[in-house]
Amino acid sequence: MPGVEIAHIDSLDDPRLEAYTKLTERQLRSVLEPEKGIFIAESGKVIERAVEAGLVSVSFLLGERWLDQLPPLLEKVATDFPEIDIPVFVGEMALLEQLTGFSVTRGALAAFHRPPLADAGAFLEGLVERASGRPIRACVLEGIVDHSNVGAIFRSAAALNVDGILVSPTCVDPLYRRSARVSMGTVFQVPWTRIGTEARTWPRDGLE
């Protein structure tokens, strides 16, 4: 499949899998170089919604049975980014079962580049413009430290047609594995951005 390279693996010690097996969430974010950051999407539904949102894939790690279920998704990736060769690492389900959290991922994981975030002011202006004159519905997540709660809020926001979400500097990362998984991929559907990067920037930057 042009743009997508299937590579069979027989060990989780393969250095090409470090993003899935060795790197911490902090390392994945590349805090000092955010433009190089990636995140891991877990489970078929979350991966599907990330691809549908147009996010750029780095690689996929799949149990063999997923090759029968994800061809349309992989074809979309190949079509959307024909200039990129994206590796799809495939292993036996018994091998993938050794990964922490297999009971929820069921052997389907993917790494994506982190999308750039707009500053809060430009983000809100964009929401107002898209609302075409109606009042916007914006949600602020302030200081939430539980990843599951962040994911659940995004899922509720999607159900309530919230226009966008502002995330305070002290709130956990919506793209953390558990947050994205609990959200069922709605973190890729509901527009959001951070209000600065330091605690002192909120609420000032969010209200100016």
N, C-alpha and C. Protein backbone atom coordinates (compact mmCIF):
# COMPACT_ATOMS: atom_id res chain seq x y z
N MET A 1 0.85 -1.19 0.00
CA MET A 1 0.00 0.00 0.00
C MET A 1 0.89 1.24 0.00
N PRO A 2 0.86 2.06 -1.06
CA PRO A 2 1.72 3.24 -1.12
C PRO A 2 1.52 4.14 0.10
N GLY A 3 2.64 4.60 0.69
CA GLY A 3 2.56 5.49 1.83
C GLY A 3 2.47 4.79 3.17
N VAL A 4 2.13 3.49 3.15
CA VAL A 4 2.03 2.70 4.38
C VAL A 4 2.88 1.45 4.21
N GLU A 5 3.80 1.24 5.15
CA GLU A 5 4.71 0.10 5.08
C GLU A 5 4.41 -0.88 6.20
N ILE A 6 4.00 -2.09 5.84
CA ILE A 6 3.72 -3.13 6.83
C ILE A 6 5.04 -3.78 7.24
N ALA A 7 5.30 -3.82 8.54
CA ALA A 7 6.53 -4.44 9.06
C ALA A 7 6.16 -5.39 10.17
N HIS A 8 6.45 -6.67 10.00
CA HIS A 8 6.12 -7.66 11.02
C HIS A 8 7.21 -7.67 12.10
N ILE A 9 6.77 -7.76 13.34
CA ILE A 9 7.70 -7.75 14.48
C ILE A 9 7.53 -9.03 15.28
N ASP A 10 8.60 -9.43 15.94
CA ASP A 10 8.52 -10.63 16.79
C ASP A 10 9.03 -10.37 18.20
N SER A 11 9.30 -9.09 18.51
CA SER A 11 9.76 -8.74 19.86
C SER A 11 9.38 -7.30 20.18
N LEU A 12 8.97 -7.08 21.42
CA LEU A 12 8.65 -5.73 21.85
C LEU A 12 9.91 -4.94 22.21
N ASP A 13 11.06 -5.61 22.15
CA ASP A 13 12.34 -4.93 22.39
C ASP A 13 12.87 -4.26 21.13
N ASP A 14 12.14 -4.41 20.05
CA ASP A 14 12.53 -3.76 18.80
C ASP A 14 12.67 -2.25 19.04
N PRO A 15 13.82 -1.65 18.76
CA PRO A 15 14.03 -0.21 19.05
C PRO A 15 13.04 0.69 18.32
N ARG A 16 12.44 0.21 17.24
CA ARG A 16 11.47 1.03 16.51
C ARG A 16 10.18 1.21 17.30
N LEU A 17 10.02 0.45 18.38
CA LEU A 17 8.78 0.50 19.17
C LEU A 17 8.94 1.29 20.46
N GLU A 18 10.04 2.02 20.61
CA GLU A 18 10.30 2.70 21.88
C GLU A 18 9.18 3.66 22.27
N ALA A 19 8.55 4.31 21.31
CA ALA A 19 7.47 5.26 21.64
C ALA A 19 6.34 4.54 22.36
N TYR A 20 6.15 3.26 22.07
CA TYR A 20 5.07 2.50 22.68
C TYR A 20 5.49 1.78 23.96
N THR A 21 6.76 1.43 24.05
CA THR A 21 7.18 0.54 25.13
C THR A 21 8.09 1.17 26.18
N LYS A 22 8.78 2.27 25.85
CA LYS A 22 9.78 2.79 26.77
C LYS A 22 9.59 4.26 27.16
N LEU A 23 9.13 5.09 26.25
CA LEU A 23 9.07 6.52 26.53
C LEU A 23 7.92 6.86 27.48
N THR A 24 8.19 7.76 28.42
CA THR A 24 7.15 8.23 29.33
C THR A 24 6.28 9.26 28.62
N GLU A 25 5.15 9.59 29.22
CA GLU A 25 4.28 10.61 28.64
C GLU A 25 5.03 11.94 28.51
N ARG A 26 5.85 12.26 29.50
CA ARG A 26 6.61 13.52 29.45
C ARG A 26 7.60 13.50 28.28
N GLN A 27 8.26 12.37 28.08
CA GLN A 27 9.19 12.27 26.96
C GLN A 27 8.46 12.35 25.62
N LEU A 28 7.29 11.75 25.55
CA LEU A 28 6.52 11.80 24.31
C LEU A 28 6.12 13.23 23.98
N ARG A 29 5.81 14.03 25.01
CA ARG A 29 5.40 15.41 24.78
C ARG A 29 6.55 16.28 24.31
N SER A 30 7.81 15.84 24.57
CA SER A 30 8.99 16.65 24.23
C SER A 30 8.80 18.05 24.79
N VAL A 31 8.72 18.14 26.11
CA VAL A 31 8.40 19.39 26.77
C VAL A 31 9.30 20.54 26.31
N LEU A 32 10.58 20.26 26.11
CA LEU A 32 11.50 21.33 25.73
C LEU A 32 11.41 21.66 24.24
N GLU A 33 10.87 20.75 23.45
CA GLU A 33 10.71 20.98 22.02
C GLU A 33 9.32 20.49 21.59
N PRO A 34 8.27 21.24 21.96
CA PRO A 34 6.90 20.80 21.72
C PRO A 34 6.60 20.45 20.27
N GLU A 35 7.29 21.13 19.33
CA GLU A 35 7.00 20.87 17.93
C GLU A 35 7.39 19.46 17.52
N LYS A 36 8.21 18.79 18.33
CA LYS A 36 8.61 17.41 18.04
C LYS A 36 7.79 16.40 18.82
N GLY A 37 6.82 16.87 19.59
CA GLY A 37 6.06 15.99 20.46
C GLY A 37 5.12 15.07 19.71
N ILE A 38 4.88 13.90 20.31
CA ILE A 38 3.91 12.96 19.78
C ILE A 38 3.02 12.49 20.92
N PHE A 39 1.96 11.80 20.58
CA PHE A 39 1.13 11.17 21.60
C PHE A 39 0.70 9.80 21.08
N ILE A 40 0.28 8.95 22.01
CA ILE A 40 -0.14 7.60 21.66
C ILE A 40 -1.65 7.49 21.78
N ALA A 41 -2.28 7.02 20.71
CA ALA A 41 -3.72 6.75 20.72
C ALA A 41 -3.94 5.26 20.92
N GLU A 42 -4.82 4.91 21.85
CA GLU A 42 -5.08 3.52 22.17
C GLU A 42 -6.51 3.13 21.81
N SER A 43 -6.67 1.99 21.20
CA SER A 43 -7.94 1.37 20.80
C SER A 43 -8.37 1.83 19.41
N GLY A 44 -9.09 0.95 18.74
CA GLY A 44 -9.50 1.22 17.37
C GLY A 44 -10.30 2.49 17.21
N LYS A 45 -11.25 2.76 18.11
CA LYS A 45 -12.12 3.93 18.00
C LYS A 45 -11.32 5.23 18.11
N VAL A 46 -10.41 5.28 19.08
CA VAL A 46 -9.62 6.50 19.29
C VAL A 46 -8.71 6.75 18.08
N ILE A 47 -8.09 5.69 17.57
CA ILE A 47 -7.24 5.82 16.39
C ILE A 47 -8.06 6.31 15.20
N GLU A 48 -9.23 5.73 15.02
CA GLU A 48 -10.10 6.12 13.91
C GLU A 48 -10.43 7.60 13.96
N ARG A 49 -10.78 8.11 15.15
CA ARG A 49 -11.16 9.52 15.25
C ARG A 49 -9.96 10.44 15.09
N ALA A 50 -8.79 9.99 15.49
CA ALA A 50 -7.59 10.81 15.27
C ALA A 50 -7.29 10.94 13.77
N VAL A 51 -7.44 9.84 13.05
CA VAL A 51 -7.21 9.85 11.61
C VAL A 51 -8.26 10.71 10.92
N GLU A 52 -9.51 10.57 11.33
CA GLU A 52 -10.59 11.36 10.72
C GLU A 52 -10.38 12.86 10.97
N ALA A 53 -9.73 13.20 12.09
CA ALA A 53 -9.48 14.61 12.40
C ALA A 53 -8.31 15.18 11.60
N GLY A 54 -7.66 14.33 10.82
CA GLY A 54 -6.57 14.81 9.97
C GLY A 54 -5.22 14.88 10.65
N LEU A 55 -5.07 14.24 11.82
CA LEU A 55 -3.79 14.26 12.51
C LEU A 55 -2.77 13.41 11.75
N VAL A 56 -1.51 13.81 11.85
CA VAL A 56 -0.45 13.15 11.08
C VAL A 56 0.10 11.95 11.86
N SER A 57 0.01 10.79 11.27
CA SER A 57 0.48 9.56 11.91
C SER A 57 2.00 9.48 11.88
N VAL A 58 2.56 8.92 12.95
CA VAL A 58 4.00 8.60 12.99
C VAL A 58 4.18 7.12 12.68
N SER A 59 3.36 6.28 13.32
CA SER A 59 3.42 4.84 13.10
C SER A 59 2.19 4.20 13.74
N PHE A 60 2.00 2.92 13.45
CA PHE A 60 0.94 2.12 14.06
C PHE A 60 1.58 0.86 14.65
N LEU A 61 1.00 0.36 15.73
CA LEU A 61 1.39 -0.91 16.31
C LEU A 61 0.12 -1.73 16.50
N LEU A 62 -0.01 -2.80 15.74
CA LEU A 62 -1.27 -3.53 15.69
C LEU A 62 -1.07 -5.03 15.88
N GLY A 63 -2.04 -5.64 16.57
CA GLY A 63 -2.12 -7.09 16.58
C GLY A 63 -2.61 -7.56 15.22
N GLU A 64 -2.26 -8.78 14.85
CA GLU A 64 -2.54 -9.26 13.49
C GLU A 64 -4.02 -9.14 13.10
N ARG A 65 -4.91 -9.37 14.05
CA ARG A 65 -6.33 -9.38 13.67
C ARG A 65 -6.82 -8.01 13.20
N TRP A 66 -6.10 -6.94 13.59
CA TRP A 66 -6.53 -5.61 13.19
C TRP A 66 -6.30 -5.35 11.70
N LEU A 67 -5.43 -6.12 11.08
CA LEU A 67 -5.19 -5.93 9.64
C LEU A 67 -6.44 -6.23 8.82
N ASP A 68 -7.33 -7.05 9.38
CA ASP A 68 -8.57 -7.35 8.67
C ASP A 68 -9.63 -6.26 8.90
N GLN A 69 -9.44 -5.42 9.94
CA GLN A 69 -10.46 -4.44 10.30
C GLN A 69 -10.12 -3.01 9.91
N LEU A 70 -8.83 -2.73 9.75
CA LEU A 70 -8.41 -1.34 9.55
C LEU A 70 -7.94 -0.95 8.15
N PRO A 71 -8.04 -1.82 7.14
CA PRO A 71 -7.58 -1.40 5.80
C PRO A 71 -8.16 -0.08 5.31
N PRO A 72 -9.47 0.19 5.48
CA PRO A 72 -9.98 1.49 5.01
C PRO A 72 -9.30 2.67 5.70
N LEU A 73 -9.01 2.50 6.99
CA LEU A 73 -8.36 3.57 7.75
C LEU A 73 -6.92 3.78 7.27
N LEU A 74 -6.22 2.68 7.04
CA LEU A 74 -4.84 2.78 6.56
C LEU A 74 -4.81 3.36 5.15
N GLU A 75 -5.80 3.03 4.36
CA GLU A 75 -5.88 3.59 3.01
C GLU A 75 -6.09 5.10 3.07
N LYS A 76 -6.90 5.55 4.03
CA LYS A 76 -7.11 7.00 4.19
C LYS A 76 -5.82 7.68 4.59
N VAL A 77 -5.07 7.07 5.50
CA VAL A 77 -3.79 7.63 5.91
C VAL A 77 -2.85 7.75 4.71
N ALA A 78 -2.80 6.68 3.90
CA ALA A 78 -1.92 6.68 2.73
C ALA A 78 -2.35 7.74 1.72
N THR A 79 -3.67 7.93 1.58
CA THR A 79 -4.18 8.91 0.63
C THR A 79 -3.95 10.34 1.11
N ASP A 80 -4.16 10.56 2.41
CA ASP A 80 -4.02 11.91 2.97
C ASP A 80 -2.57 12.37 3.03
N PHE A 81 -1.65 11.43 3.22
CA PHE A 81 -0.24 11.79 3.38
C PHE A 81 0.65 10.93 2.48
N PRO A 82 0.47 11.05 1.16
CA PRO A 82 1.21 10.19 0.24
C PRO A 82 2.72 10.43 0.25
N GLU A 83 3.13 11.61 0.76
CA GLU A 83 4.55 11.94 0.77
C GLU A 83 5.28 11.34 1.96
N ILE A 84 4.54 10.71 2.88
CA ILE A 84 5.15 10.16 4.10
C ILE A 84 5.04 8.64 4.07
N ASP A 85 6.14 7.96 4.35
CA ASP A 85 6.10 6.51 4.52
C ASP A 85 5.85 6.21 5.99
N ILE A 86 4.66 5.71 6.29
CA ILE A 86 4.25 5.48 7.68
C ILE A 86 4.33 4.00 7.99
N PRO A 87 5.18 3.60 8.94
CA PRO A 87 5.31 2.18 9.26
C PRO A 87 4.12 1.67 10.08
N VAL A 88 3.67 0.49 9.72
CA VAL A 88 2.63 -0.21 10.47
C VAL A 88 3.26 -1.48 11.01
N PHE A 89 3.58 -1.49 12.29
CA PHE A 89 4.21 -2.64 12.92
C PHE A 89 3.12 -3.63 13.32
N VAL A 90 3.27 -4.87 12.90
CA VAL A 90 2.25 -5.89 13.13
C VAL A 90 2.88 -7.07 13.85
N GLY A 91 2.24 -7.50 14.93
CA GLY A 91 2.72 -8.66 15.68
C GLY A 91 1.58 -9.58 16.04
N GLU A 92 1.92 -10.77 16.47
CA GLU A 92 0.90 -11.72 16.91
C GLU A 92 0.19 -11.15 18.14
N MET A 93 -1.08 -11.51 18.28
CA MET A 93 -1.84 -10.99 19.42
C MET A 93 -1.19 -11.40 20.74
N ALA A 94 -0.61 -12.59 20.79
CA ALA A 94 0.05 -13.05 22.02
C ALA A 94 1.20 -12.13 22.40
N LEU A 95 1.88 -11.57 21.40
CA LEU A 95 2.97 -10.63 21.66
C LEU A 95 2.42 -9.31 22.19
N LEU A 96 1.38 -8.82 21.55
CA LEU A 96 0.79 -7.54 21.98
C LEU A 96 0.18 -7.63 23.38
N GLU A 97 -0.22 -8.84 23.77
CA GLU A 97 -0.80 -9.02 25.10
C GLU A 97 0.19 -8.71 26.21
N GLN A 98 1.47 -8.67 25.89
CA GLN A 98 2.49 -8.37 26.89
C GLN A 98 2.56 -6.89 27.23
N LEU A 99 1.93 -6.06 26.40
CA LEU A 99 1.93 -4.62 26.65
C LEU A 99 0.99 -4.27 27.79
N THR A 100 1.42 -3.36 28.65
CA THR A 100 0.55 -2.87 29.72
C THR A 100 -0.70 -2.25 29.12
N GLY A 101 -1.86 -2.62 29.67
CA GLY A 101 -3.11 -2.02 29.20
C GLY A 101 -3.74 -2.74 28.01
N PHE A 102 -3.26 -3.96 27.71
CA PHE A 102 -3.80 -4.68 26.55
C PHE A 102 -5.30 -4.87 26.66
N SER A 103 -5.81 -5.02 27.89
CA SER A 103 -7.24 -5.28 28.08
C SER A 103 -8.11 -4.15 27.54
N VAL A 104 -7.53 -2.93 27.45
CA VAL A 104 -8.32 -1.81 26.91
C VAL A 104 -7.92 -1.45 25.49
N THR A 105 -6.66 -1.68 25.13
CA THR A 105 -6.25 -1.33 23.76
C THR A 105 -6.63 -2.44 22.79
N ARG A 106 -6.67 -3.67 23.27
CA ARG A 106 -6.95 -4.84 22.44
C ARG A 106 -5.97 -4.92 21.26
N GLY A 107 -4.77 -4.44 21.50
CA GLY A 107 -3.73 -4.60 20.49
C GLY A 107 -3.78 -3.59 19.36
N ALA A 108 -4.37 -2.44 19.58
CA ALA A 108 -4.41 -1.40 18.54
C ALA A 108 -3.88 -0.09 19.12
N LEU A 109 -2.71 0.34 18.65
CA LEU A 109 -2.10 1.59 19.11
C LEU A 109 -1.54 2.34 17.91
N ALA A 110 -1.44 3.65 18.05
CA ALA A 110 -0.85 4.46 16.98
C ALA A 110 -0.21 5.69 17.60
N ALA A 111 0.87 6.13 17.00
CA ALA A 111 1.55 7.35 17.43
C ALA A 111 1.25 8.45 16.42
N PHE A 112 0.95 9.65 16.93
CA PHE A 112 0.63 10.80 16.07
C PHE A 112 1.45 12.01 16.50
N HIS A 113 1.74 12.87 15.54
CA HIS A 113 2.34 14.15 15.88
C HIS A 113 1.32 15.00 16.62
N ARG A 114 1.78 15.74 17.62
CA ARG A 114 0.89 16.65 18.33
C ARG A 114 0.53 17.83 17.43
N PRO A 115 -0.76 18.14 17.34
CA PRO A 115 -1.14 19.30 16.52
C PRO A 115 -0.75 20.60 17.23
N PRO A 116 -0.42 21.64 16.48
CA PRO A 116 -0.10 22.93 17.11
C PRO A 116 -1.35 23.51 17.76
N LEU A 117 -1.16 24.21 18.88
CA LEU A 117 -2.28 24.83 19.59
C LEU A 117 -2.26 26.33 19.38
N ALA A 118 -3.43 26.89 19.13
CA ALA A 118 -3.56 28.34 18.97
C ALA A 118 -3.50 29.02 20.33
N ASP A 119 -3.10 30.30 20.36
CA ASP A 119 -3.18 31.02 21.62
C ASP A 119 -4.66 31.26 21.95
N ALA A 120 -4.93 31.48 23.21
CA ALA A 120 -6.32 31.54 23.68
C ALA A 120 -7.14 32.60 22.95
N GLY A 121 -6.55 33.77 22.73
CA GLY A 121 -7.30 34.84 22.07
C GLY A 121 -7.71 34.47 20.66
N ALA A 122 -6.76 33.98 19.87
CA ALA A 122 -7.06 33.59 18.49
C ALA A 122 -8.05 32.43 18.46
N PHE A 123 -7.93 31.54 19.42
CA PHE A 123 -8.83 30.40 19.50
C PHE A 123 -10.27 30.86 19.70
N LEU A 124 -10.47 31.75 20.66
CA LEU A 124 -11.82 32.24 20.94
C LEU A 124 -12.38 33.05 19.76
N GLU A 125 -11.53 33.83 19.12
CA GLU A 125 -11.98 34.58 17.94
C GLU A 125 -12.46 33.62 16.85
N GLY A 126 -11.75 32.51 16.71
CA GLY A 126 -12.15 31.52 15.72
C GLY A 126 -13.49 30.90 16.06
N LEU A 127 -13.73 30.63 17.35
CA LEU A 127 -15.01 30.07 17.76
C LEU A 127 -16.15 31.04 17.45
N VAL A 128 -15.92 32.32 17.75
CA VAL A 128 -16.96 33.34 17.50
C VAL A 128 -17.25 33.43 16.00
N GLU A 129 -16.22 33.41 15.20
CA GLU A 129 -16.40 33.51 13.75
C GLU A 129 -17.21 32.33 13.22
N ARG A 130 -16.87 31.13 13.67
CA ARG A 130 -17.59 29.95 13.18
C ARG A 130 -19.02 29.90 13.68
N ALA A 131 -19.30 30.58 14.82
CA ALA A 131 -20.65 30.56 15.37
C ALA A 131 -21.62 31.41 14.56
N SER A 132 -21.08 32.27 13.69
CA SER A 132 -21.91 33.08 12.78
C SER A 132 -23.01 33.88 13.50
N GLY A 133 -22.63 34.55 14.58
CA GLY A 133 -23.57 35.44 15.25
C GLY A 133 -24.25 34.88 16.47
N ARG A 134 -24.28 33.58 16.63
CA ARG A 134 -24.93 33.03 17.83
C ARG A 134 -23.93 33.02 18.98
N PRO A 135 -24.42 33.04 20.23
CA PRO A 135 -23.51 32.96 21.38
C PRO A 135 -22.74 31.64 21.36
N ILE A 136 -21.46 31.69 21.70
CA ILE A 136 -20.69 30.45 21.73
C ILE A 136 -20.79 29.80 23.10
N ARG A 137 -20.58 28.51 23.10
CA ARG A 137 -20.55 27.75 24.36
C ARG A 137 -19.13 27.24 24.54
N ALA A 138 -18.42 27.85 25.48
CA ALA A 138 -17.04 27.47 25.75
C ALA A 138 -16.93 26.91 27.16
N CYS A 139 -16.06 25.95 27.32
CA CYS A 139 -15.86 25.28 28.61
C CYS A 139 -14.42 25.51 29.04
N VAL A 140 -14.20 25.74 30.34
CA VAL A 140 -12.86 25.92 30.88
C VAL A 140 -12.55 24.77 31.83
N LEU A 141 -11.44 24.08 31.58
CA LEU A 141 -10.99 23.03 32.49
C LEU A 141 -9.86 23.61 33.34
N GLU A 142 -10.14 23.80 34.62
CA GLU A 142 -9.17 24.45 35.49
C GLU A 142 -8.64 23.49 36.54
N GLY A 143 -7.35 23.19 36.46
CA GLY A 143 -6.68 22.43 37.50
C GLY A 143 -7.16 21.00 37.67
N ILE A 144 -7.69 20.38 36.65
CA ILE A 144 -8.14 18.99 36.77
C ILE A 144 -6.94 18.07 36.65
N VAL A 145 -6.74 17.22 37.65
CA VAL A 145 -5.53 16.39 37.69
C VAL A 145 -5.81 14.91 37.41
N ASP A 146 -7.07 14.57 37.20
CA ASP A 146 -7.42 13.19 36.90
C ASP A 146 -7.66 13.04 35.39
N HIS A 147 -6.88 12.19 34.75
CA HIS A 147 -6.96 12.04 33.30
C HIS A 147 -8.30 11.49 32.84
N SER A 148 -8.87 10.58 33.62
CA SER A 148 -10.17 10.03 33.26
C SER A 148 -11.25 11.09 33.29
N ASN A 149 -11.17 11.99 34.27
CA ASN A 149 -12.17 13.06 34.36
C ASN A 149 -12.08 14.00 33.15
N VAL A 150 -10.86 14.30 32.71
CA VAL A 150 -10.69 15.15 31.53
C VAL A 150 -11.32 14.47 30.32
N GLY A 151 -11.06 13.19 30.16
CA GLY A 151 -11.65 12.47 29.03
C GLY A 151 -13.16 12.46 29.08
N ALA A 152 -13.72 12.26 30.28
CA ALA A 152 -15.18 12.23 30.43
C ALA A 152 -15.80 13.59 30.12
N ILE A 153 -15.10 14.66 30.51
CA ILE A 153 -15.62 16.01 30.23
C ILE A 153 -15.64 16.27 28.72
N PHE A 154 -14.60 15.85 28.03
CA PHE A 154 -14.59 16.03 26.57
C PHE A 154 -15.73 15.24 25.92
N ARG A 155 -15.99 14.05 26.42
CA ARG A 155 -17.08 13.25 25.86
C ARG A 155 -18.41 13.93 26.09
N SER A 156 -18.61 14.50 27.28
CA SER A 156 -19.85 15.22 27.57
C SER A 156 -19.95 16.49 26.73
N ALA A 157 -18.82 17.19 26.56
CA ALA A 157 -18.81 18.41 25.76
C ALA A 157 -19.22 18.12 24.32
N ALA A 158 -18.75 16.99 23.80
CA ALA A 158 -19.12 16.62 22.43
C ALA A 158 -20.62 16.35 22.34
N ALA A 159 -21.16 15.67 23.35
CA ALA A 159 -22.59 15.36 23.35
C ALA A 159 -23.45 16.61 23.47
N LEU A 160 -22.93 17.63 24.16
CA LEU A 160 -23.68 18.88 24.38
C LEU A 160 -23.37 19.94 23.32
N ASN A 161 -22.60 19.57 22.31
CA ASN A 161 -22.25 20.50 21.22
C ASN A 161 -21.55 21.76 21.71
N VAL A 162 -20.65 21.58 22.68
CA VAL A 162 -19.83 22.70 23.14
C VAL A 162 -18.92 23.13 22.00
N ASP A 163 -18.77 24.44 21.81
CA ASP A 163 -17.99 24.95 20.68
C ASP A 163 -16.50 24.77 20.87
N GLY A 164 -16.02 24.88 22.09
CA GLY A 164 -14.59 24.75 22.32
C GLY A 164 -14.26 24.68 23.80
N ILE A 165 -13.05 24.24 24.08
CA ILE A 165 -12.62 24.06 25.47
C ILE A 165 -11.28 24.75 25.67
N LEU A 166 -11.18 25.52 26.77
CA LEU A 166 -9.93 26.14 27.19
C LEU A 166 -9.38 25.32 28.35
N VAL A 167 -8.11 24.93 28.24
CA VAL A 167 -7.48 24.09 29.26
C VAL A 167 -6.45 24.92 30.01
N SER A 168 -6.60 25.02 31.34
CA SER A 168 -5.67 25.83 32.13
C SER A 168 -4.30 25.17 32.20
N PRO A 169 -3.26 25.94 32.51
CA PRO A 169 -1.90 25.39 32.57
C PRO A 169 -1.74 24.28 33.61
N THR A 170 -2.59 24.29 34.64
CA THR A 170 -2.46 23.29 35.71
C THR A 170 -3.35 22.07 35.48
N CYS A 171 -3.99 22.01 34.34
CA CYS A 171 -4.85 20.86 34.01
C CYS A 171 -4.01 19.81 33.28
N VAL A 172 -4.31 18.54 33.52
CA VAL A 172 -3.55 17.48 32.86
C VAL A 172 -3.79 17.49 31.35
N ASP A 173 -2.95 16.80 30.65
CA ASP A 173 -2.93 16.79 29.19
C ASP A 173 -4.11 16.01 28.60
N PRO A 174 -4.96 16.68 27.80
CA PRO A 174 -6.07 15.95 27.16
C PRO A 174 -5.61 14.86 26.20
N LEU A 175 -4.35 14.92 25.73
CA LEU A 175 -3.85 13.90 24.81
C LEU A 175 -3.12 12.76 25.51
N TYR A 176 -3.10 12.80 26.84
CA TYR A 176 -2.56 11.68 27.60
C TYR A 176 -3.37 10.43 27.22
N ARG A 177 -2.72 9.28 27.22
CA ARG A 177 -3.38 8.06 26.73
C ARG A 177 -4.76 7.83 27.34
N ARG A 178 -4.82 7.92 28.68
CA ARG A 178 -6.10 7.62 29.33
C ARG A 178 -7.14 8.68 29.03
N SER A 179 -6.71 9.94 28.99
CA SER A 179 -7.66 11.01 28.68
C SER A 179 -8.30 10.79 27.32
N ALA A 180 -7.47 10.55 26.31
CA ALA A 180 -7.98 10.35 24.95
C ALA A 180 -8.85 9.11 24.87
N ARG A 181 -8.44 8.06 25.57
CA ARG A 181 -9.21 6.80 25.51
C ARG A 181 -10.58 6.95 26.17
N VAL A 182 -10.61 7.55 27.37
CA VAL A 182 -11.88 7.74 28.06
C VAL A 182 -12.79 8.68 27.28
N SER A 183 -12.20 9.63 26.58
CA SER A 183 -13.00 10.57 25.76
C SER A 183 -13.60 9.89 24.54
N MET A 184 -13.13 8.66 24.26
CA MET A 184 -13.53 7.92 23.05
C MET A 184 -13.18 8.71 21.78
N GLY A 185 -12.06 9.43 21.87
CA GLY A 185 -11.57 10.16 20.71
C GLY A 185 -12.19 11.52 20.50
N THR A 186 -13.07 11.96 21.40
CA THR A 186 -13.70 13.28 21.22
C THR A 186 -12.71 14.42 21.45
N VAL A 187 -11.52 14.12 22.03
CA VAL A 187 -10.50 15.17 22.16
C VAL A 187 -10.02 15.63 20.78
N PHE A 188 -10.31 14.83 19.75
CA PHE A 188 -9.94 15.20 18.39
C PHE A 188 -11.10 15.85 17.64
N GLN A 189 -12.26 15.87 18.26
CA GLN A 189 -13.45 16.43 17.63
C GLN A 189 -13.84 17.79 18.20
N VAL A 190 -13.72 17.94 19.51
CA VAL A 190 -14.06 19.21 20.15
C VAL A 190 -12.82 20.11 20.12
N PRO A 191 -12.89 21.28 19.51
CA PRO A 191 -11.72 22.18 19.47
C PRO A 191 -11.28 22.57 20.89
N TRP A 192 -9.98 22.61 21.11
CA TRP A 192 -9.47 23.01 22.42
C TRP A 192 -8.08 23.62 22.27
N THR A 193 -7.68 24.36 23.29
CA THR A 193 -6.33 24.88 23.35
C THR A 193 -5.95 25.14 24.80
N ARG A 194 -4.70 25.38 25.03
CA ARG A 194 -4.21 25.71 26.38
C ARG A 194 -4.23 27.22 26.58
N ILE A 195 -4.45 27.62 27.83
CA ILE A 195 -4.36 29.03 28.20
C ILE A 195 -2.95 29.25 28.74
N GLY A 196 -1.99 29.50 27.84
CA GLY A 196 -0.62 29.68 28.26
C GLY A 196 0.01 28.38 28.75
N THR A 197 1.22 28.51 29.31
CA THR A 197 1.96 27.35 29.78
C THR A 197 2.33 27.41 31.25
N GLU A 198 2.04 28.54 31.91
CA GLU A 198 2.38 28.71 33.31
C GLU A 198 1.13 29.06 34.11
N ALA A 199 1.10 28.63 35.36
CA ALA A 199 -0.08 28.85 36.20
C ALA A 199 -0.46 30.32 36.29
N ARG A 200 0.53 31.20 36.28
CA ARG A 200 0.25 32.64 36.44
C ARG A 200 -0.48 33.23 35.23
N THR A 201 -0.51 32.50 34.09
CA THR A 201 -1.17 33.04 32.90
C THR A 201 -2.69 32.86 32.96
N TRP A 202 -3.18 32.11 33.92
CA TRP A 202 -4.62 31.94 34.10
C TRP A 202 -5.01 32.51 35.45
N PRO A 203 -6.09 33.29 35.57
CA PRO A 203 -7.09 33.50 34.52
C PRO A 203 -6.83 34.70 33.60
N ARG A 204 -5.72 35.42 33.83
CA ARG A 204 -5.50 36.65 33.06
C ARG A 204 -5.64 36.43 31.55
N ASP A 205 -4.84 35.50 31.00
CA ASP A 205 -4.83 35.31 29.56
C ASP A 205 -6.15 34.74 29.03
N GLY A 206 -6.87 34.07 29.89
CA GLY A 206 -8.13 33.49 29.43
C GLY A 206 -9.28 34.48 29.42
N LEU A 207 -9.09 35.63 30.11
CA LEU A 207 -10.19 36.58 30.23
C LEU A 207 -9.94 37.88 29.48
N GLU A 208 -8.71 38.12 29.09
CA GLU A 208 -8.41 39.38 28.40
C GLU A 208 -9.03 39.41 27.01
